[in-house]
Amino acid sequence: MADWGPVLIAVVLFVLLTPGLLFQIPGRNRVVEFGSMHTSGASILVHTIIYFGLVTIFLIAIGVHIYTG
């Protein structure tokens, strides 16, 4: 029996929080830009902190588990 919860949560959040894909904080011209497909060092740092916070909340605080088999 395998626990796929952490893997699924991490992959989905990684794809959704890729800077420039859906949104970018901070943007080039504004604080938040949507669908710009550009990135910068500052936005990578901000998105990394958001990713770490959400993964921590979902996996440790809430305890998401998806079992297969």
N, C-alpha and C. Protein backbone atom coordinates (compact mmCIF):
# COMPACT_ATOMS: atom_id res chain seq x y z
N MET A 1 0.84 -1.16 0.00
CA MET A 1 0.00 0.00 0.00
C MET A 1 0.90 1.24 0.00
N ALA A 2 0.77 2.07 -1.02
CA ALA A 2 1.62 3.25 -1.17
C ALA A 2 0.82 4.52 -0.90
N ASP A 3 1.47 5.48 -0.27
CA ASP A 3 0.86 6.77 0.03
C ASP A 3 1.28 7.76 -1.05
N TRP A 4 0.35 8.08 -1.96
CA TRP A 4 0.63 8.97 -3.07
C TRP A 4 0.24 10.42 -2.78
N GLY A 5 -0.28 10.71 -1.61
CA GLY A 5 -0.69 12.06 -1.26
C GLY A 5 0.42 13.09 -1.37
N PRO A 6 1.57 12.86 -0.72
CA PRO A 6 2.66 13.84 -0.83
C PRO A 6 3.16 14.05 -2.25
N VAL A 7 3.22 12.98 -3.02
CA VAL A 7 3.69 13.10 -4.40
C VAL A 7 2.71 13.91 -5.23
N LEU A 8 1.44 13.62 -5.13
CA LEU A 8 0.42 14.31 -5.91
C LEU A 8 0.34 15.79 -5.53
N ILE A 9 0.34 16.07 -4.23
CA ILE A 9 0.27 17.46 -3.77
C ILE A 9 1.49 18.24 -4.25
N ALA A 10 2.68 17.66 -4.14
CA ALA A 10 3.91 18.34 -4.54
C ALA A 10 3.93 18.62 -6.04
N VAL A 11 3.51 17.67 -6.86
CA VAL A 11 3.52 17.86 -8.31
C VAL A 11 2.51 18.92 -8.74
N VAL A 12 1.30 18.85 -8.20
CA VAL A 12 0.27 19.81 -8.57
C VAL A 12 0.68 21.23 -8.16
N LEU A 13 1.18 21.39 -6.93
CA LEU A 13 1.60 22.72 -6.49
C LEU A 13 2.80 23.22 -7.29
N PHE A 14 3.72 22.33 -7.65
CA PHE A 14 4.89 22.73 -8.43
C PHE A 14 4.46 23.27 -9.79
N VAL A 15 3.52 22.60 -10.44
CA VAL A 15 3.06 23.04 -11.75
C VAL A 15 2.28 24.35 -11.63
N LEU A 16 1.38 24.44 -10.65
CA LEU A 16 0.57 25.64 -10.51
C LEU A 16 1.36 26.86 -10.06
N LEU A 17 2.42 26.64 -9.27
CA LEU A 17 3.19 27.77 -8.75
C LEU A 17 4.45 28.06 -9.55
N THR A 18 4.56 27.53 -10.76
CA THR A 18 5.68 27.87 -11.62
C THR A 18 5.58 29.35 -11.98
N PRO A 19 6.60 30.16 -11.67
CA PRO A 19 6.50 31.60 -11.94
C PRO A 19 6.24 31.89 -13.41
N GLY A 20 5.21 32.69 -13.68
CA GLY A 20 4.87 33.08 -15.03
C GLY A 20 3.84 32.21 -15.70
N LEU A 21 3.57 31.02 -15.19
CA LEU A 21 2.60 30.15 -15.84
C LEU A 21 1.18 30.68 -15.64
N LEU A 22 0.72 30.71 -14.40
CA LEU A 22 -0.59 31.29 -14.10
C LEU A 22 -0.46 32.73 -13.63
N PHE A 23 0.49 32.96 -12.73
CA PHE A 23 0.72 34.30 -12.20
C PHE A 23 2.17 34.43 -11.79
N GLN A 24 2.60 35.67 -11.59
CA GLN A 24 3.97 35.93 -11.19
C GLN A 24 3.96 37.04 -10.14
N ILE A 25 4.56 36.76 -8.99
CA ILE A 25 4.71 37.74 -7.91
C ILE A 25 6.19 37.86 -7.60
N PRO A 26 6.85 38.94 -7.64
CA PRO A 26 6.48 40.22 -8.24
C PRO A 26 6.65 40.16 -9.75
N GLY A 27 5.80 40.88 -10.45
CA GLY A 27 5.87 40.92 -11.90
C GLY A 27 6.91 41.91 -12.38
N ARG A 28 7.06 42.02 -13.66
CA ARG A 28 8.02 42.97 -14.23
C ARG A 28 7.52 44.41 -14.13
N ASN A 29 6.23 44.62 -14.41
CA ASN A 29 5.68 45.97 -14.42
C ASN A 29 4.69 46.21 -13.30
N ARG A 30 4.14 45.16 -12.73
CA ARG A 30 3.14 45.26 -11.66
C ARG A 30 3.54 44.33 -10.53
N VAL A 31 2.79 44.42 -9.45
CA VAL A 31 3.06 43.52 -8.32
C VAL A 31 2.70 42.09 -8.70
N VAL A 32 1.55 41.91 -9.35
CA VAL A 32 1.10 40.59 -9.79
C VAL A 32 0.81 40.66 -11.29
N GLU A 33 1.39 39.73 -12.03
CA GLU A 33 1.10 39.62 -13.46
C GLU A 33 0.54 38.22 -13.73
N PHE A 34 -0.41 38.13 -14.63
CA PHE A 34 -1.05 36.86 -14.94
C PHE A 34 -0.67 36.41 -16.34
N GLY A 35 -0.20 35.16 -16.46
CA GLY A 35 0.11 34.56 -17.74
C GLY A 35 1.20 35.25 -18.53
N SER A 36 2.20 35.78 -17.87
CA SER A 36 3.24 36.52 -18.57
C SER A 36 4.30 35.62 -19.21
N MET A 37 4.46 34.41 -18.70
CA MET A 37 5.45 33.45 -19.18
C MET A 37 6.89 33.98 -19.07
N HIS A 38 7.12 34.92 -18.17
CA HIS A 38 8.45 35.42 -17.86
C HIS A 38 8.74 35.14 -16.39
N THR A 39 9.99 35.22 -16.00
CA THR A 39 10.35 34.99 -14.61
C THR A 39 11.56 35.83 -14.25
N SER A 40 11.83 35.91 -12.98
CA SER A 40 12.99 36.62 -12.48
C SER A 40 13.45 35.94 -11.20
N GLY A 41 14.60 36.32 -10.73
CA GLY A 41 15.13 35.73 -9.50
C GLY A 41 14.24 36.01 -8.30
N ALA A 42 13.71 37.23 -8.23
CA ALA A 42 12.83 37.59 -7.11
C ALA A 42 11.54 36.78 -7.14
N SER A 43 10.97 36.59 -8.33
CA SER A 43 9.73 35.82 -8.40
C SER A 43 9.97 34.35 -8.09
N ILE A 44 11.12 33.83 -8.46
CA ILE A 44 11.45 32.44 -8.11
C ILE A 44 11.53 32.29 -6.60
N LEU A 45 12.15 33.25 -5.93
CA LEU A 45 12.25 33.21 -4.47
C LEU A 45 10.88 33.29 -3.81
N VAL A 46 10.04 34.20 -4.28
CA VAL A 46 8.70 34.35 -3.70
C VAL A 46 7.86 33.09 -3.92
N HIS A 47 7.89 32.54 -5.12
CA HIS A 47 7.11 31.34 -5.42
C HIS A 47 7.65 30.13 -4.64
N THR A 48 8.95 30.09 -4.39
CA THR A 48 9.52 29.00 -3.58
C THR A 48 9.01 29.07 -2.15
N ILE A 49 8.94 30.25 -1.59
CA ILE A 49 8.43 30.41 -0.22
C ILE A 49 6.95 30.05 -0.15
N ILE A 50 6.16 30.47 -1.14
CA ILE A 50 4.74 30.11 -1.19
C ILE A 50 4.58 28.60 -1.32
N TYR A 51 5.37 27.97 -2.18
CA TYR A 51 5.33 26.52 -2.38
C TYR A 51 5.65 25.78 -1.07
N PHE A 52 6.72 26.19 -0.41
CA PHE A 52 7.10 25.54 0.84
C PHE A 52 6.00 25.68 1.89
N GLY A 53 5.40 26.86 1.98
CA GLY A 53 4.33 27.07 2.94
C GLY A 53 3.11 26.21 2.66
N LEU A 54 2.70 26.13 1.40
CA LEU A 54 1.53 25.32 1.06
C LEU A 54 1.79 23.82 1.21
N VAL A 55 2.98 23.36 0.83
CA VAL A 55 3.31 21.95 1.01
C VAL A 55 3.32 21.60 2.49
N THR A 56 3.86 22.48 3.31
CA THR A 56 3.88 22.25 4.75
C THR A 56 2.47 22.18 5.31
N ILE A 57 1.61 23.08 4.89
CA ILE A 57 0.22 23.07 5.38
C ILE A 57 -0.50 21.80 4.95
N PHE A 58 -0.41 21.45 3.68
CA PHE A 58 -1.15 20.28 3.18
C PHE A 58 -0.62 18.96 3.73
N LEU A 59 0.70 18.82 3.85
CA LEU A 59 1.26 17.52 4.23
C LEU A 59 1.43 17.34 5.73
N ILE A 60 1.77 18.39 6.44
CA ILE A 60 2.02 18.24 7.87
C ILE A 60 0.80 18.65 8.69
N ALA A 61 0.25 19.84 8.43
CA ALA A 61 -0.86 20.32 9.25
C ALA A 61 -2.16 19.58 8.96
N ILE A 62 -2.49 19.42 7.69
CA ILE A 62 -3.74 18.74 7.33
C ILE A 62 -3.53 17.23 7.24
N GLY A 63 -2.38 16.80 6.74
CA GLY A 63 -2.09 15.37 6.65
C GLY A 63 -2.81 14.69 5.51
N VAL A 64 -2.63 15.17 4.28
CA VAL A 64 -3.29 14.58 3.12
C VAL A 64 -2.62 13.24 2.80
N HIS A 65 -3.44 12.19 2.68
CA HIS A 65 -2.96 10.86 2.34
C HIS A 65 -3.85 10.26 1.27
N ILE A 66 -3.24 9.69 0.24
CA ILE A 66 -3.96 8.98 -0.81
C ILE A 66 -3.30 7.61 -0.95
N TYR A 67 -4.03 6.57 -0.55
CA TYR A 67 -3.47 5.22 -0.57
C TYR A 67 -3.95 4.46 -1.79
N THR A 68 -3.04 3.70 -2.40
CA THR A 68 -3.38 2.86 -3.52
C THR A 68 -3.03 1.42 -3.21
N GLY A 69 -3.68 0.54 -3.86
CA GLY A 69 -3.33 -0.87 -3.71
C GLY A 69 -4.11 -1.51 -2.68
